[in-house]
PDB file of N, CA and C in Angstrom:
ATOM      1  N   MET A   1       0.834  -1.176   0.000  1.00  0.00           N
ATOM      2  CA  MET A   1       0.000   0.000   0.000  1.00  0.00           C
ATOM      3  C   MET A   1       0.886   1.249   0.000  1.00  0.00           C
ATOM      4  N   LYS A   2       0.777   2.049  -1.062  1.00  0.00           N
ATOM      5  CA  LYS A   2       1.532   3.288  -1.168  1.00  0.00           C
ATOM      6  C   LYS A   2       0.796   4.391  -0.429  1.00  0.00           C
ATOM      7  N   THR A   3       1.544   5.183   0.320  1.00  0.00           N
ATOM      8  CA  THR A   3       0.930   6.258   1.082  1.00  0.00           C
ATOM      9  C   THR A   3       1.849   7.462   1.114  1.00  0.00           C
ATOM     10  N   ASN A   4       1.292   8.640   0.848  1.00  0.00           N
ATOM     11  CA  ASN A   4       2.058   9.869   1.021  1.00  0.00           C
ATOM     12  C   ASN A   4       2.105  10.188   2.508  1.00  0.00           C
ATOM     13  N   LYS A   5       3.311  10.426   3.004  1.00  0.00           N
ATOM     14  CA  LYS A   5       3.494  10.686   4.435  1.00  0.00           C
ATOM     15  C   LYS A   5       4.475  11.834   4.642  1.00  0.00           C
ATOM     16  N   SER A   6       4.365  12.458   5.798  1.00  0.00           N
ATOM     17  CA  SER A   6       5.373  13.407   6.268  1.00  0.00           C
ATOM     18  C   SER A   6       6.212  12.697   7.318  1.00  0.00           C
ATOM     19  N   ALA A   7       7.496  12.968   7.304  1.00  0.00           N
ATOM     20  CA  ALA A   7       8.415  12.357   8.270  1.00  0.00           C
ATOM     21  C   ALA A   7       9.211  13.450   8.963  1.00  0.00           C
ATOM     22  N   ILE A   8       9.196  13.422  10.285  1.00  0.00           N
ATOM     23  CA  ILE A   8      10.043  14.320  11.073  1.00  0.00           C
ATOM     24  C   ILE A   8      11.418  13.655  11.135  1.00  0.00           C
ATOM     25  N   ILE A   9      12.440  14.372  10.720  1.00  0.00           N
ATOM     26  CA  ILE A   9      13.796  13.821  10.699  1.00  0.00           C
ATOM     27  C   ILE A   9      14.540  14.282  11.942  1.00  0.00           C
ATOM     28  N   GLN A  10      15.126  13.317  12.637  1.00  0.00           N
ATOM     29  CA  GLN A  10      15.927  13.605  13.829  1.00  0.00           C
ATOM     30  C   GLN A  10      17.357  13.125  13.596  1.00  0.00           C
ATOM     31  N   ARG A  11      18.297  13.878  14.149  1.00  0.00           N
ATOM     32  CA  ARG A  11      19.719  13.570  14.010  1.00  0.00           C
ATOM     33  C   ARG A  11      20.361  13.553  15.395  1.00  0.00           C
ATOM     34  N   LEU A  12      21.207  12.560  15.635  1.00  0.00           N
ATOM     35  CA  LEU A  12      21.920  12.463  16.907  1.00  0.00           C
ATOM     36  C   LEU A  12      22.979  13.556  16.953  1.00  0.00           C
ATOM     37  N   THR A  13      22.906  14.402  17.976  1.00  0.00           N
ATOM     38  CA  THR A  13      23.761  15.581  18.069  1.00  0.00           C
ATOM     39  C   THR A  13      24.466  15.612  19.415  1.00  0.00           C
ATOM     40  N   ALA A  14      25.750  15.956  19.381  1.00  0.00           N
ATOM     41  CA  ALA A  14      26.529  16.068  20.615  1.00  0.00           C
ATOM     42  C   ALA A  14      26.223  17.392  21.303  1.00  0.00           C
ATOM     43  N   ASP A  15      26.209  17.361  22.628  1.00  0.00           N
ATOM     44  CA  ASP A  15      26.032  18.569  23.437  1.00  0.00           C
ATOM     45  C   ASP A  15      27.257  19.457  23.205  1.00  0.00           C
ATOM     46  N   PRO A  16      27.077  20.743  22.909  1.00  0.00           N
ATOM     47  CA  PRO A  16      28.225  21.611  22.639  1.00  0.00           C
ATOM     48  C   PRO A  16      29.162  21.793  23.841  1.00  0.00           C
ATOM     49  N   THR A  17      28.663  21.549  25.051  1.00  0.00           N
ATOM     50  CA  THR A  17      29.511  21.719  26.234  1.00  0.00           C
ATOM     51  C   THR A  17      30.137  20.417  26.700  1.00  0.00           C
ATOM     52  N   ASN A  18      29.612  19.282  26.219  1.00  0.00           N
ATOM     53  CA  ASN A  18      30.156  17.978  26.620  1.00  0.00           C
ATOM     54  C   ASN A  18      29.878  16.984  25.489  1.00  0.00           C
ATOM     55  N   ILE A  19      30.901  16.664  24.697  1.00  0.00           N
ATOM     56  CA  ILE A  19      30.702  15.807  23.528  1.00  0.00           C
ATOM     57  C   ILE A  19      30.310  14.379  23.893  1.00  0.00           C
ATOM     58  N   ASN A  20      30.428  14.015  25.167  1.00  0.00           N
ATOM     59  CA  ASN A  20      30.036  12.677  25.601  1.00  0.00           C
ATOM     60  C   ASN A  20      28.522  12.552  25.802  1.00  0.00           C
ATOM     61  N   ILE A  21      27.821  13.673  25.727  1.00  0.00           N
ATOM     62  CA  ILE A  21      26.368  13.669  25.883  1.00  0.00           C
ATOM     63  C   ILE A  21      25.743  13.936  24.517  1.00  0.00           C
ATOM     64  N   THR A  22      24.890  13.016  24.077  1.00  0.00           N
ATOM     65  CA  THR A  22      24.222  13.189  22.796  1.00  0.00           C
ATOM     66  C   THR A  22      22.709  13.093  22.985  1.00  0.00           C
ATOM     67  N   SER A  23      21.996  13.686  22.051  1.00  0.00           N
ATOM     68  CA  SER A  23      20.537  13.600  22.077  1.00  0.00           C
ATOM     69  C   SER A  23      20.019  13.740  20.649  1.00  0.00           C
ATOM     70  N   TRP A  24      18.811  13.237  20.425  1.00  0.00           N
ATOM     71  CA  TRP A  24      18.183  13.349  19.109  1.00  0.00           C
ATOM     72  C   TRP A  24      17.568  14.735  18.976  1.00  0.00           C
ATOM     73  N   GLN A  25      17.950  15.437  17.911  1.00  0.00           N
ATOM     74  CA  GLN A  25      17.433  16.779  17.648  1.00  0.00           C
ATOM     75  C   GLN A  25      16.679  16.778  16.331  1.00  0.00           C
ATOM     76  N   GLU A  26      15.532  17.429  16.306  1.00  0.00           N
ATOM     77  CA  GLU A  26      14.758  17.547  15.076  1.00  0.00           C
ATOM     78  C   GLU A  26      15.481  18.479  14.113  1.00  0.00           C
ATOM     79  N   VAL A  27      15.674  18.023  12.859  1.00  0.00           N
ATOM     80  CA  VAL A  27      16.354  18.853  11.860  1.00  0.00           C
ATOM     81  C   VAL A  27      15.428  19.278  10.730  1.00  0.00           C
ATOM     82  N   GLY A  28      14.221  18.750  10.722  1.00  0.00           N
ATOM     83  CA  GLY A  28      13.282  19.162   9.686  1.00  0.00           C
ATOM     84  C   GLY A  28      12.227  18.111   9.422  1.00  0.00           C
ATOM     85  N   THR A  29      11.394  18.410   8.448  1.00  0.00           N
ATOM     86  CA  THR A  29      10.329  17.497   8.028  1.00  0.00           C
ATOM     87  C   THR A  29      10.419  17.327   6.520  1.00  0.00           C
ATOM     88  N   ILE A  30      10.287  16.080   6.072  1.00  0.00           N
ATOM     89  CA  ILE A  30      10.254  15.800   4.644  1.00  0.00           C
ATOM     90  C   ILE A  30       8.961  15.058   4.334  1.00  0.00           C
ATOM     91  N   SER A  31       8.579  15.055   3.088  1.00  0.00           N
ATOM     92  CA  SER A  31       7.402  14.286   2.695  1.00  0.00           C
ATOM     93  C   SER A  31       7.783  13.362   1.549  1.00  0.00           C
ATOM     94  N   GLY A  32       7.028  12.292   1.421  1.00  0.00           N
ATOM     95  CA  GLY A  32       7.326  11.358   0.352  1.00  0.00           C
ATOM     96  C   GLY A  32       6.383  10.175   0.350  1.00  0.00           C
ATOM     97  N   MET A  33       6.660   9.255  -0.546  1.00  0.00           N
ATOM     98  CA  MET A  33       5.875   8.030  -0.695  1.00  0.00           C
ATOM     99  C   MET A  33       6.470   6.977   0.239  1.00  0.00           C
ATOM    100  N   PHE A  34       5.625   6.380   1.071  1.00  0.00           N
ATOM    101  CA  PHE A  34       6.028   5.427   2.105  1.00  0.00           C
ATOM    102  C   PHE A  34       5.416   4.084   1.758  1.00  0.00           C
ATOM    103  N   LEU A  35       6.255   3.049   1.564  1.00  0.00           N
ATOM    104  CA  LEU A  35       5.710   1.725   1.284  1.00  0.00           C
ATOM    105  C   LEU A  35       6.560   0.615   1.857  1.00  0.00           C
ATOM    106  N   PRO A  36       5.903  -0.484   2.254  1.00  0.00           N
ATOM    107  CA  PRO A  36       6.639  -1.620   2.792  1.00  0.00           C
ATOM    108  C   PRO A  36       7.441  -2.302   1.686  1.00  0.00           C
ATOM    109  N   LEU A  37       8.511  -2.975   2.075  1.00  0.00           N
ATOM    110  CA  LEU A  37       9.296  -3.731   1.105  1.00  0.00           C
ATOM    111  C   LEU A  37       8.513  -4.955   0.655  1.00  0.00           C
ATOM    112  N   SER A  38       8.776  -5.378  -0.567  1.00  0.00           N
ATOM    113  CA  SER A  38       8.186  -6.625  -1.047  1.00  0.00           C
ATOM    114  C   SER A  38       8.804  -7.774  -0.256  1.00  0.00           C
ATOM    115  N   ALA A  39       8.201  -8.941  -0.310  1.00  0.00           N
ATOM    116  CA  ALA A  39       8.727 -10.109   0.412  1.00  0.00           C
ATOM    117  C   ALA A  39      10.160 -10.408  -0.024  1.00  0.00           C
ATOM    118  N   GLU A  40      10.423 -10.319  -1.332  1.00  0.00           N
ATOM    119  CA  GLU A  40      11.778 -10.584  -1.849  1.00  0.00           C
ATOM    120  C   GLU A  40      12.781  -9.564  -1.316  1.00  0.00           C
ATOM    121  N   MET A  41      12.416  -8.289  -1.368  1.00  0.00           N
ATOM    122  CA  MET A  41      13.327  -7.242  -0.883  1.00  0.00           C
ATOM    123  C   MET A  41      13.502  -7.337   0.629  1.00  0.00           C
ATOM    124  N   ASN A  42      12.470  -7.744   1.340  1.00  0.00           N
ATOM    125  CA  ASN A  42      12.574  -7.908   2.786  1.00  0.00           C
ATOM    126  C   ASN A  42      13.580  -9.006   3.136  1.00  0.00           C
ATOM    127  N   GLN A  43      13.592 -10.095   2.355  1.00  0.00           N
ATOM    128  CA  GLN A  43      14.570 -11.167   2.571  1.00  0.00           C
ATOM    129  C   GLN A  43      15.982 -10.656   2.343  1.00  0.00           C
ATOM    130  N   LEU A  44      16.178  -9.844   1.303  1.00  0.00           N
ATOM    131  CA  LEU A  44      17.499  -9.263   1.042  1.00  0.00           C
ATOM    132  C   LEU A  44      17.920  -8.344   2.191  1.00  0.00           C
ATOM    133  N   ALA A  45      16.978  -7.564   2.693  1.00  0.00           N
ATOM    134  CA  ALA A  45      17.275  -6.663   3.813  1.00  0.00           C
ATOM    135  C   ALA A  45      17.673  -7.461   5.047  1.00  0.00           C
ATOM    136  N   GLN A  46      16.965  -8.554   5.312  1.00  0.00           N
ATOM    137  CA  GLN A  46      17.298  -9.397   6.469  1.00  0.00           C
ATOM    138  C   GLN A  46      18.675 -10.020   6.311  1.00  0.00           C
ATOM    139  N   ALA A  47      19.053 -10.368   5.102  1.00  0.00           N
ATOM    140  CA  ALA A  47      20.387 -10.930   4.844  1.00  0.00           C
ATOM    141  C   ALA A  47      21.472  -9.899   5.142  1.00  0.00           C
ATOM    142  N   GLN A  48      21.112  -8.622   5.097  1.00  0.00           N
ATOM    143  CA  GLN A  48      22.066  -7.550   5.394  1.00  0.00           C
ATOM    144  C   GLN A  48      21.958  -7.064   6.831  1.00  0.00           C
ATOM    145  N   GLY A  49      21.217  -7.796   7.664  1.00  0.00           N
ATOM    146  CA  GLY A  49      21.168  -7.471   9.079  1.00  0.00           C
ATOM    147  C   GLY A  49      19.984  -6.650   9.534  1.00  0.00           C
ATOM    148  N   ILE A  50      19.044  -6.354   8.656  1.00  0.00           N
ATOM    149  CA  ILE A  50      17.856  -5.606   9.050  1.00  0.00           C
ATOM    150  C   ILE A  50      16.810  -6.615   9.491  1.00  0.00           C
ATOM    151  N   MET A  51      16.515  -6.634  10.773  1.00  0.00           N
ATOM    152  CA  MET A  51      15.635  -7.664  11.315  1.00  0.00           C
ATOM    153  C   MET A  51      14.213  -7.202  11.579  1.00  0.00           C
ATOM    154  N   GLY A  52      14.007  -5.895  11.662  1.00  0.00           N
ATOM    155  CA  GLY A  52      12.663  -5.389  11.900  1.00  0.00           C
ATOM    156  C   GLY A  52      11.902  -5.212  10.600  1.00  0.00           C
ATOM    157  N   LYS A  53      10.723  -4.615  10.676  1.00  0.00           N
ATOM    158  CA  LYS A  53       9.943  -4.319   9.483  1.00  0.00           C
ATOM    159  C   LYS A  53      10.654  -3.221   8.699  1.00  0.00           C
ATOM    160  N   ALA A  54      10.863  -3.464   7.413  1.00  0.00           N
ATOM    161  CA  ALA A  54      11.586  -2.502   6.578  1.00  0.00           C
ATOM    162  C   ALA A  54      10.637  -1.863   5.564  1.00  0.00           C
ATOM    163  N   TYR A  55      10.911  -0.622   5.260  1.00  0.00           N
ATOM    164  CA  TYR A  55      10.097   0.168   4.342  1.00  0.00           C
ATOM    165  C   TYR A  55      11.005   1.008   3.469  1.00  0.00           C
ATOM    166  N   ASN A  56      10.465   1.482   2.350  1.00  0.00           N
ATOM    167  CA  ASN A  56      11.135   2.491   1.543  1.00  0.00           C
ATOM    168  C   ASN A  56      10.363   3.787   1.681  1.00  0.00           C
ATOM    169  N   LEU A  57      11.099   4.876   1.758  1.00  0.00           N
ATOM    170  CA  LEU A  57      10.536   6.213   1.743  1.00  0.00           C
ATOM    171  C   LEU A  57      11.157   6.914   0.542  1.00  0.00           C
ATOM    172  N   TYR A  58      10.339   7.278  -0.428  1.00  0.00           N
ATOM    173  CA  TYR A  58      10.806   7.967  -1.623  1.00  0.00           C
ATOM    174  C   TYR A  58      10.558   9.453  -1.432  1.00  0.00           C
ATOM    175  N   THR A  59      11.621  10.243  -1.569  1.00  0.00           N
ATOM    176  CA  THR A  59      11.499  11.673  -1.324  1.00  0.00           C
ATOM    177  C   THR A  59      12.361  12.443  -2.321  1.00  0.00           C
ATOM    178  N   ALA A  60      12.313  13.750  -2.266  1.00  0.00           N
ATOM    179  CA  ALA A  60      13.006  14.595  -3.232  1.00  0.00           C
ATOM    180  C   ALA A  60      14.518  14.586  -3.025  1.00  0.00           C
ATOM    181  N   VAL A  61      15.244  14.645  -4.145  1.00  0.00           N
ATOM    182  CA  VAL A  61      16.692  14.836  -4.075  1.00  0.00           C
ATOM    183  C   VAL A  61      16.936  16.159  -3.357  1.00  0.00           C
ATOM    184  N   GLY A  62      17.892  16.194  -2.479  1.00  0.00           N
ATOM    185  CA  GLY A  62      18.183  17.407  -1.714  1.00  0.00           C
ATOM    186  C   GLY A  62      17.511  17.444  -0.357  1.00  0.00           C
ATOM    187  N   ALA A  63      16.671  16.449  -0.062  1.00  0.00           N
ATOM    188  CA  ALA A  63      16.052  16.386   1.263  1.00  0.00           C
ATOM    189  C   ALA A  63      17.145  16.211   2.312  1.00  0.00           C
ATOM    190  N   ASP A  64      16.992  16.869   3.445  1.00  0.00           N
ATOM    191  CA  ASP A  64      17.997  16.806   4.521  1.00  0.00           C
ATOM    192  C   ASP A  64      17.791  15.525   5.329  1.00  0.00           C
ATOM    193  N   ILE A  65      18.389  14.436   4.850  1.00  0.00           N
ATOM    194  CA  ILE A  65      18.304  13.147   5.531  1.00  0.00           C
ATOM    195  C   ILE A  65      19.620  12.411   5.323  1.00  0.00           C
ATOM    196  N   GLN A  66      20.115  11.770   6.392  1.00  0.00           N
ATOM    197  CA  GLN A  66      21.384  11.058   6.356  1.00  0.00           C
ATOM    198  C   GLN A  66      21.197   9.640   6.877  1.00  0.00           C
ATOM    199  N   GLU A  67      22.154   8.762   6.546  1.00  0.00           N
ATOM    200  CA  GLU A  67      22.051   7.357   6.941  1.00  0.00           C
ATOM    201  C   GLU A  67      22.036   7.128   8.448  1.00  0.00           C
ATOM    202  N   THR A  68      22.471   8.067   9.233  1.00  0.00           N
ATOM    203  CA  THR A  68      22.475   7.896  10.690  1.00  0.00           C
ATOM    204  C   THR A  68      21.260   8.539  11.359  1.00  0.00           C
ATOM    205  N   ASP A  69      20.358   9.093  10.571  1.00  0.00           N
ATOM    206  CA  ASP A  69      19.173   9.775  11.104  1.00  0.00           C
ATOM    207  C   ASP A  69      18.096   8.771  11.483  1.00  0.00           C
ATOM    208  N   ARG A  70      17.044   9.302  12.059  1.00  0.00           N
ATOM    209  CA  ARG A  70      15.832   8.519  12.245  1.00  0.00           C
ATOM    210  C   ARG A  70      14.651   9.374  11.802  1.00  0.00           C
ATOM    211  N   ALA A  71      13.582   8.683  11.417  1.00  0.00           N
ATOM    212  CA  ALA A  71      12.385   9.358  10.924  1.00  0.00           C
ATOM    213  C   ALA A  71      11.212   8.982  11.821  1.00  0.00           C
ATOM    214  N   ILE A  72      10.403   9.965  12.140  1.00  0.00           N
ATOM    215  CA  ILE A  72       9.186   9.735  12.916  1.00  0.00           C
ATOM    216  C   ILE A  72       8.012   9.886  11.937  1.00  0.00           C
ATOM    217  N   ILE A  73       7.294   8.765  11.728  1.00  0.00           N
ATOM    218  CA  ILE A  73       6.165   8.759  10.802  1.00  0.00           C
ATOM    219  C   ILE A  73       4.951   8.241  11.563  1.00  0.00           C
ATOM    220  N   ASP A  74       3.924   9.041  11.630  1.00  0.00           N
ATOM    221  CA  ASP A  74       2.697   8.672  12.361  1.00  0.00           C
ATOM    222  C   ASP A  74       3.002   8.211  13.783  1.00  0.00           C
ATOM    223  N   GLY A  75       3.960   8.866  14.433  1.00  0.00           N
ATOM    224  CA  GLY A  75       4.301   8.552  15.818  1.00  0.00           C
ATOM    225  C   GLY A  75       5.218   7.357  15.995  1.00  0.00           C
ATOM    226  N   GLU A  76       5.546   6.655  14.918  1.00  0.00           N
ATOM    227  CA  GLU A  76       6.447   5.494  14.983  1.00  0.00           C
ATOM    228  C   GLU A  76       7.864   5.932  14.622  1.00  0.00           C
ATOM    229  N   ILE A  77       8.859   5.311  15.243  1.00  0.00           N
ATOM    230  CA  ILE A  77      10.256   5.641  14.993  1.00  0.00           C
ATOM    231  C   ILE A  77      10.842   4.630  14.010  1.00  0.00           C
ATOM    232  N   TYR A  78      11.519   5.161  12.994  1.00  0.00           N
ATOM    233  CA  TYR A  78      12.190   4.347  11.977  1.00  0.00           C
ATOM    234  C   TYR A  78      13.651   4.786  11.893  1.00  0.00           C
ATOM    235  N   GLU A  79      14.559   3.829  11.825  1.00  0.00           N
ATOM    236  CA  GLU A  79      15.982   4.132  11.681  1.00  0.00           C
ATOM    237  C   GLU A  79      16.345   4.096  10.203  1.00  0.00           C
ATOM    238  N   VAL A  80      17.080   5.112   9.749  1.00  0.00           N
ATOM    239  CA  VAL A  80      17.517   5.169   8.357  1.00  0.00           C
ATOM    240  C   VAL A  80      18.691   4.208   8.191  1.00  0.00           C
ATOM    241  N   LYS A  81      18.549   3.272   7.261  1.00  0.00           N
ATOM    242  CA  LYS A  81      19.569   2.241   7.035  1.00  0.00           C
ATOM    243  C   LYS A  81      20.355   2.450   5.756  1.00  0.00           C
ATOM    244  N   GLY A  82      19.796   3.169   4.808  1.00  0.00           N
ATOM    245  CA  GLY A  82      20.498   3.405   3.548  1.00  0.00           C
ATOM    246  C   GLY A  82      19.757   4.415   2.699  1.00  0.00           C
ATOM    247  N   ILE A  83      20.506   5.089   1.837  1.00  0.00           N
ATOM    248  CA  ILE A  83      19.930   6.093   0.941  1.00  0.00           C
ATOM    249  C   ILE A  83      20.554   5.906  -0.438  1.00  0.00           C
ATOM    250  N   LYS A  84      19.707   5.836  -1.444  1.00  0.00           N
ATOM    251  CA  LYS A  84      20.183   5.735  -2.818  1.00  0.00           C
ATOM    252  C   LYS A  84      19.588   6.887  -3.607  1.00  0.00           C
ATOM    253  N   LYS A  85      20.437   7.579  -4.363  1.00  0.00           N
ATOM    254  CA  LYS A  85      20.021   8.758  -5.110  1.00  0.00           C
ATOM    255  C   LYS A  85      19.808   8.374  -6.577  1.00  0.00           C
ATOM    256  N   TYR A  86      18.671   8.772  -7.130  1.00  0.00           N
ATOM    257  CA  TYR A  86      18.364   8.550  -8.539  1.00  0.00           C
ATOM    258  C   TYR A  86      18.200   9.907  -9.212  1.00  0.00           C
ATOM    259  N   GLU A  87      19.050  10.164 -10.207  1.00  0.00           N
ATOM    260  CA  GLU A  87      18.959  11.414 -10.961  1.00  0.00           C
ATOM    261  C   GLU A  87      18.968  11.089 -12.448  1.00  0.00           C
ATOM    262  N   GLY A  88      18.231  11.851 -13.216  1.00  0.00           N
ATOM    263  CA  GLY A  88      18.185  11.656 -14.654  1.00  0.00           C
ATOM    264  C   GLY A  88      17.402  10.429 -15.076  1.00  0.00           C
ATOM    265  N   SER A  89      16.597   9.900 -14.175  1.00  0.00           N
ATOM    266  CA  SER A  89      15.814   8.707 -14.451  1.00  0.00           C
ATOM    267  C   SER A  89      14.442   9.107 -14.988  1.00  0.00           C
ATOM    268  N   LYS A  90      14.377   9.354 -16.283  1.00  0.00           N
ATOM    269  CA  LYS A  90      13.129   9.750 -16.942  1.00  0.00           C
ATOM    270  C   LYS A  90      12.501  10.968 -16.281  1.00  0.00           C
ATOM    271  N   GLY A  91      13.340  11.888 -15.830  1.00  0.00           N
ATOM    272  CA  GLY A  91      12.850  13.130 -15.245  1.00  0.00           C
ATOM    273  C   GLY A  91      12.273  13.006 -13.857  1.00  0.00           C
ATOM    274  N   VAL A  92      12.472  11.859 -13.198  1.00  0.00           N
ATOM    275  CA  VAL A  92      11.924  11.665 -11.852  1.00  0.00           C
ATOM    276  C   VAL A  92      13.086  11.508 -10.873  1.00  0.00           C
ATOM    277  N   ASP A  93      13.754  12.601 -10.567  1.00  0.00           N
ATOM    278  CA  ASP A  93      14.852  12.563  -9.611  1.00  0.00           C
ATOM    279  C   ASP A  93      14.277  12.348  -8.217  1.00  0.00           C
ATOM    280  N   HIS A  94      14.915  11.452  -7.439  1.00  0.00           N
ATOM    281  CA  HIS A  94      14.417  11.183  -6.094  1.00  0.00           C
ATOM    282  C   HIS A  94      15.467  10.448  -5.260  1.00  0.00           C
ATOM    283  N   LEU A  95      15.214  10.382  -3.963  1.00  0.00           N
ATOM    284  CA  LEU A  95      15.989   9.567  -3.036  1.00  0.00           C
ATOM    285  C   LEU A  95      15.142   8.369  -2.641  1.00  0.00           C
ATOM    286  N   GLU A  96      15.763   7.211  -2.592  1.00  0.00           N
ATOM    287  CA  GLU A  96      15.109   6.012  -2.072  1.00  0.00           C
ATOM    288  C   GLU A  96      15.752   5.736  -0.719  1.00  0.00           C
ATOM    289  N   VAL A  97      14.987   5.890   0.341  1.00  0.00           N
ATOM    290  CA  VAL A  97      15.499   5.776   1.713  1.00  0.00           C
ATOM    291  C   VAL A  97      14.991   4.475   2.313  1.00  0.00           C
ATOM    292  N   LEU A  98      15.911   3.601   2.701  1.00  0.00           N
ATOM    293  CA  LEU A  98      15.551   2.352   3.364  1.00  0.00           C
ATOM    294  C   LEU A  98      15.471   2.627   4.860  1.00  0.00           C
ATOM    295  N   ILE A  99      14.313   2.357   5.454  1.00  0.00           N
ATOM    296  CA  ILE A  99      14.125   2.600   6.883  1.00  0.00           C
ATOM    297  C   ILE A  99      13.619   1.322   7.549  1.00  0.00           C
ATOM    298  N   GLU A 100      14.004   1.174   8.808  1.00  0.00           N
ATOM    299  CA  GLU A 100      13.590   0.006   9.594  1.00  0.00           C
ATOM    300  C   GLU A 100      12.810   0.501  10.797  1.00  0.00           C
ATOM    301  N   GLN A 101      11.651  -0.104  11.013  1.00  0.00           N
ATOM    302  CA  GLN A 101      10.845   0.275  12.183  1.00  0.00           C
ATOM    303  C   GLN A 101      11.575  -0.136  13.441  1.00  0.00           C
ATOM    304  N   ARG A 102      11.737   0.800  14.341  1.00  0.00           N
ATOM    305  CA  ARG A 102      12.463   0.553  15.584  1.00  0.00           C
ATOM    306  C   ARG A 102      11.611  -0.286  16.529  1.00  0.00           C
ATOM    307  N   LYS A 103      12.237  -1.268  17.097  1.00  0.00           N
ATOM    308  CA  LYS A 103      11.536  -2.109  18.065  1.00  0.00           C
ATOM    309  C   LYS A 103      11.441  -1.362  19.383  1.00  0.00           C
ATOM    310  N   THR A 104      10.264  -1.387  19.991  1.00  0.00           N
ATOM    311  CA  THR A 104      10.093  -0.674  21.270  1.00  0.00           C
ATOM    312  C   THR A 104      10.029  -1.651  22.423  1.00  0.00           C
TER     313      THR A 104
END
């Protein structure tokens, strides 16, 4: 099921007065197409160490998101596991972001 979603992006940031203290800071919000991985792609993800539910988030090139970030979508936390950039692909430039639902 394809769904347009907004994702709050958080980045782990060191305290400026003590680098040993870190916290998740909101760096912005992005929007995109959110969909679960197919069964085949989910097996490939598990072979690479992703054990939770995995999804793809398709968003615009230039979105402020990094592989160490996390995304909050509908109140659920997802860890960013990988980002692939597609440019010049029939005029549909985008980022494909692999995210894993965080176990609580």
